[in-house]
Amino acid sequence: MGSDIYPDLYLQARRSQSSPMGTPKKGVQLKKMALLSFLIFLTATGCVSINSSSITGTGKGTSGQPIHVTVSGDPGILHLMAPKDLTTKANKELLSQCSSGHISNVQTQLSTRDFLGIVQIYKVRATAICQ
């Protein structure tokens, strides 16, 4: 119809509506950039952060063999649920490594690994002197 009368204008109008070969439209580029940004965000937030605290110090005059244990608890969710009896388990394992059953200078360290702010894994490291 109108393409017979003004073929150059018709072709020019068609070219402006579609993108040239090999070059995506701006909307497609924007979607790709948004997807790439989202993937980078997920990768960065999927990193593990470790928050830990410890009390250390050695008492004077302690002699004996040092013993070490590491105990992991059940995963927590949204920092609302923490594992129960984690230090009790660590103390029991320390005692199981000491043949005399007498330990001193017990030191503990609690570490929390946080995955995406949703799931936490708690770990207690304990050291003591078996006398």
C-alpha atoms as a PDB file:
ATOM      1  CA  MET A   1       0.000   0.000   0.000  1.00  0.00           C
ATOM      2  CA  GLY A   2       1.973   2.981   1.264  1.00  0.00           C
ATOM      3  CA  SER A   3       5.199   1.143   0.696  1.00  0.00           C
ATOM      4  CA  ASP A   4       4.765   1.321  -3.080  1.00  0.00           C
ATOM      5  CA  ILE A   5       4.579   5.098  -3.092  1.00  0.00           C
ATOM      6  CA  TYR A   6       7.432   5.892  -0.658  1.00  0.00           C
ATOM      7  CA  PRO A   7       9.649   2.812  -0.469  1.00  0.00           C
ATOM      8  CA  ASP A   8      12.598   4.658   1.135  1.00  0.00           C
ATOM      9  CA  LEU A   9      10.464   6.141   3.931  1.00  0.00           C
ATOM     10  CA  TYR A  10       8.823   2.776   4.557  1.00  0.00           C
ATOM     11  CA  LEU A  11      12.189   1.015   4.890  1.00  0.00           C
ATOM     12  CA  GLN A  12      13.560   3.761   7.094  1.00  0.00           C
ATOM     13  CA  ALA A  13      10.552   3.529   9.404  1.00  0.00           C
ATOM     14  CA  ARG A  14      10.911  -0.265   9.623  1.00  0.00           C
ATOM     15  CA  ARG A  15      14.614  -0.005  10.478  1.00  0.00           C
ATOM     16  CA  SER A  16      13.956   2.482  13.287  1.00  0.00           C
ATOM     17  CA  GLN A  17      11.427   0.074  14.876  1.00  0.00           C
ATOM     18  CA  SER A  18      13.736  -2.930  14.926  1.00  0.00           C
ATOM     19  CA  SER A  19      17.295  -3.122  16.059  1.00  0.00           C
ATOM     20  CA  PRO A  20      20.152  -3.678  13.616  1.00  0.00           C
ATOM     21  CA  MET A  21      21.475  -7.210  13.252  1.00  0.00           C
ATOM     22  CA  GLY A  22      23.640  -8.285  16.205  1.00  0.00           C
ATOM     23  CA  THR A  23      22.764  -5.328  18.427  1.00  0.00           C
ATOM     24  CA  PRO A  24      20.040  -5.966  21.015  1.00  0.00           C
ATOM     25  CA  LYS A  25      17.467  -3.338  21.887  1.00  0.00           C
ATOM     26  CA  LYS A  26      17.956  -1.182  24.974  1.00  0.00           C
ATOM     27  CA  GLY A  27      15.279  -3.090  26.858  1.00  0.00           C
ATOM     28  CA  VAL A  28      17.091  -6.386  26.326  1.00  0.00           C
ATOM     29  CA  GLN A  29      20.387  -4.815  27.394  1.00  0.00           C
ATOM     30  CA  LEU A  30      18.731  -3.427  30.498  1.00  0.00           C
ATOM     31  CA  LYS A  31      17.292  -6.840  31.382  1.00  0.00           C
ATOM     32  CA  LYS A  32      20.692  -8.473  30.931  1.00  0.00           C
ATOM     33  CA  MET A  33      22.334  -5.860  33.148  1.00  0.00           C
ATOM     34  CA  ALA A  34      19.640  -6.308  35.791  1.00  0.00           C
ATOM     35  CA  LEU A  35      20.104 -10.081  35.702  1.00  0.00           C
ATOM     36  CA  LEU A  36      23.880  -9.739  35.955  1.00  0.00           C
ATOM     37  CA  SER A  37      23.529  -7.309  38.871  1.00  0.00           C
ATOM     38  CA  PHE A  38      21.144  -9.675  40.624  1.00  0.00           C
ATOM     39  CA  LEU A  39      23.537 -12.613  40.191  1.00  0.00           C
ATOM     40  CA  ILE A  40      26.423 -10.556  41.564  1.00  0.00           C
ATOM     41  CA  PHE A  41      24.230  -9.560  44.505  1.00  0.00           C
ATOM     42  CA  LEU A  42      23.352 -13.197  45.227  1.00  0.00           C
ATOM     43  CA  THR A  43      26.971 -14.219  45.019  1.00  0.00           C
ATOM     44  CA  ALA A  44      28.077 -11.464  47.359  1.00  0.00           C
ATOM     45  CA  THR A  45      25.361 -12.121  49.918  1.00  0.00           C
ATOM     46  CA  GLY A  46      25.932 -15.847  49.699  1.00  0.00           C
ATOM     47  CA  CYS A  47      29.335 -15.327  51.239  1.00  0.00           C
ATOM     48  CA  VAL A  48      29.742 -16.586  54.723  1.00  0.00           C
ATOM     49  CA  SER A  49      30.329 -14.137  57.501  1.00  0.00           C
ATOM     50  CA  ILE A  50      31.765 -15.424  60.728  1.00  0.00           C
ATOM     51  CA  ASN A  51      31.029 -13.618  63.951  1.00  0.00           C
ATOM     52  CA  SER A  52      32.958 -14.978  66.885  1.00  0.00           C
ATOM     53  CA  SER A  53      33.860 -14.107  70.399  1.00  0.00           C
ATOM     54  CA  SER A  54      36.216 -15.762  72.797  1.00  0.00           C
ATOM     55  CA  ILE A  55      37.582 -15.453  76.271  1.00  0.00           C
ATOM     56  CA  THR A  56      41.188 -16.482  76.493  1.00  0.00           C
ATOM     57  CA  GLY A  57      43.827 -16.516  79.098  1.00  0.00           C
ATOM     58  CA  THR A  58      45.967 -19.039  80.843  1.00  0.00           C
ATOM     59  CA  GLY A  59      46.099 -19.508  84.537  1.00  0.00           C
ATOM     60  CA  LYS A  60      49.485 -19.525  86.163  1.00  0.00           C
ATOM     61  CA  GLY A  61      50.747 -22.782  87.465  1.00  0.00           C
ATOM     62  CA  THR A  62      48.637 -24.959  85.196  1.00  0.00           C
ATOM     63  CA  SER A  63      50.377 -28.071  84.077  1.00  0.00           C
ATOM     64  CA  GLY A  64      49.041 -30.915  82.075  1.00  0.00           C
ATOM     65  CA  GLN A  65      48.129 -31.814  78.562  1.00  0.00           C
ATOM     66  CA  PRO A  66      46.087 -29.375  76.450  1.00  0.00           C
ATOM     67  CA  ILE A  67      42.946 -30.825  74.865  1.00  0.00           C
ATOM     68  CA  HIS A  68      40.769 -29.327  72.116  1.00  0.00           C
ATOM     69  CA  VAL A  69      37.256 -30.047  70.848  1.00  0.00           C
ATOM     70  CA  THR A  70      34.952 -28.510  68.252  1.00  0.00           C
ATOM     71  CA  VAL A  71      31.199 -29.036  68.471  1.00  0.00           C
ATOM     72  CA  SER A  72      28.604 -27.939  65.898  1.00  0.00           C
ATOM     73  CA  GLY A  73      24.961 -27.474  66.695  1.00  0.00           C
ATOM     74  CA  ASP A  74      21.763 -27.671  64.750  1.00  0.00           C
ATOM     75  CA  PRO A  75      21.254 -24.811  62.285  1.00  0.00           C
ATOM     76  CA  GLY A  76      19.428 -21.735  63.505  1.00  0.00           C
ATOM     77  CA  ILE A  77      16.883 -19.805  61.477  1.00  0.00           C
ATOM     78  CA  LEU A  78      16.638 -16.000  61.266  1.00  0.00           C
ATOM     79  CA  HIS A  79      18.671 -15.645  64.483  1.00  0.00           C
ATOM     80  CA  LEU A  80      15.560 -16.782  66.338  1.00  0.00           C
ATOM     81  CA  MET A  81      16.565 -20.348  67.109  1.00  0.00           C
ATOM     82  CA  ALA A  82      19.959 -21.151  68.556  1.00  0.00           C
ATOM     83  CA  PRO A  83      21.156 -24.685  69.257  1.00  0.00           C
ATOM     84  CA  LYS A  84      20.662 -25.945  72.775  1.00  0.00           C
ATOM     85  CA  ASP A  85      23.337 -27.384  75.051  1.00  0.00           C
ATOM     86  CA  LEU A  86      26.232 -26.571  72.734  1.00  0.00           C
ATOM     87  CA  THR A  87      28.643 -25.770  75.563  1.00  0.00           C
ATOM     88  CA  THR A  88      27.416 -28.782  77.541  1.00  0.00           C
ATOM     89  CA  LYS A  89      28.296 -31.030  74.608  1.00  0.00           C
ATOM     90  CA  ALA A  90      31.716 -29.380  74.335  1.00  0.00           C
ATOM     91  CA  ASN A  91      32.376 -29.914  78.068  1.00  0.00           C
ATOM     92  CA  LYS A  92      31.362 -33.578  77.827  1.00  0.00           C
ATOM     93  CA  GLU A  93      33.728 -34.096  74.892  1.00  0.00           C
ATOM     94  CA  LEU A  94      36.539 -32.381  76.794  1.00  0.00           C
ATOM     95  CA  LEU A  95      35.972 -34.709  79.736  1.00  0.00           C
ATOM     96  CA  SER A  96      35.916 -37.744  77.436  1.00  0.00           C
ATOM     97  CA  GLN A  97      39.412 -36.828  76.210  1.00  0.00           C
ATOM     98  CA  CYS A  98      40.819 -36.496  79.708  1.00  0.00           C
ATOM     99  CA  SER A  99      41.511 -39.852  81.382  1.00  0.00           C
ATOM    100  CA  SER A 100      41.731 -38.375  84.877  1.00  0.00           C
ATOM    101  CA  GLY A 101      38.397 -36.568  84.450  1.00  0.00           C
ATOM    102  CA  HIS A 102      39.895 -33.399  85.919  1.00  0.00           C
ATOM    103  CA  ILE A 103      40.145 -30.413  83.571  1.00  0.00           C
ATOM    104  CA  SER A 104      41.063 -26.814  84.247  1.00  0.00           C
ATOM    105  CA  ASN A 105      41.498 -23.537  82.408  1.00  0.00           C
ATOM    106  CA  VAL A 106      38.535 -24.179  80.103  1.00  0.00           C
ATOM    107  CA  GLN A 107      38.256 -21.643  77.288  1.00  0.00           C
ATOM    108  CA  THR A 108      35.436 -21.526  74.760  1.00  0.00           C
ATOM    109  CA  GLN A 109      34.886 -19.727  71.480  1.00  0.00           C
ATOM    110  CA  LEU A 110      31.472 -19.420  69.812  1.00  0.00           C
ATOM    111  CA  SER A 111      31.420 -18.924  66.041  1.00  0.00           C
ATOM    112  CA  THR A 112      28.351 -18.211  63.957  1.00  0.00           C
ATOM    113  CA  ARG A 113      28.308 -18.729  60.199  1.00  0.00           C
ATOM    114  CA  ASP A 114      25.544 -16.759  58.547  1.00  0.00           C
ATOM    115  CA  PHE A 115      24.143 -17.803  55.159  1.00  0.00           C
ATOM    116  CA  LEU A 116      22.100 -15.051  53.444  1.00  0.00           C
ATOM    117  CA  GLY A 117      20.869 -13.835  56.829  1.00  0.00           C
ATOM    118  CA  ILE A 118      18.475 -16.762  56.966  1.00  0.00           C
ATOM    119  CA  VAL A 119      20.368 -19.792  58.238  1.00  0.00           C
ATOM    120  CA  GLN A 120      23.014 -19.738  60.943  1.00  0.00           C
ATOM    121  CA  ILE A 121      25.382 -22.518  61.912  1.00  0.00           C
ATOM    122  CA  TYR A 122      26.807 -22.343  65.411  1.00  0.00           C
ATOM    123  CA  LYS A 123      30.101 -23.893  66.404  1.00  0.00           C
ATOM    124  CA  VAL A 124      31.866 -24.004  69.783  1.00  0.00           C
ATOM    125  CA  ARG A 125      35.588 -24.586  70.045  1.00  0.00           C
ATOM    126  CA  ALA A 126      36.822 -25.422  73.506  1.00  0.00           C
ATOM    127  CA  THR A 127      40.264 -25.952  74.941  1.00  0.00           C
ATOM    128  CA  ALA A 128      41.274 -27.051  78.402  1.00  0.00           C
ATOM    129  CA  ILE A 129      44.145 -28.500  80.374  1.00  0.00           C
ATOM    130  CA  CYS A 130      43.811 -32.144  81.374  1.00  0.00           C
ATOM    131  CA  GLN A 131      45.489 -32.672  84.758  1.00  0.00           C
END
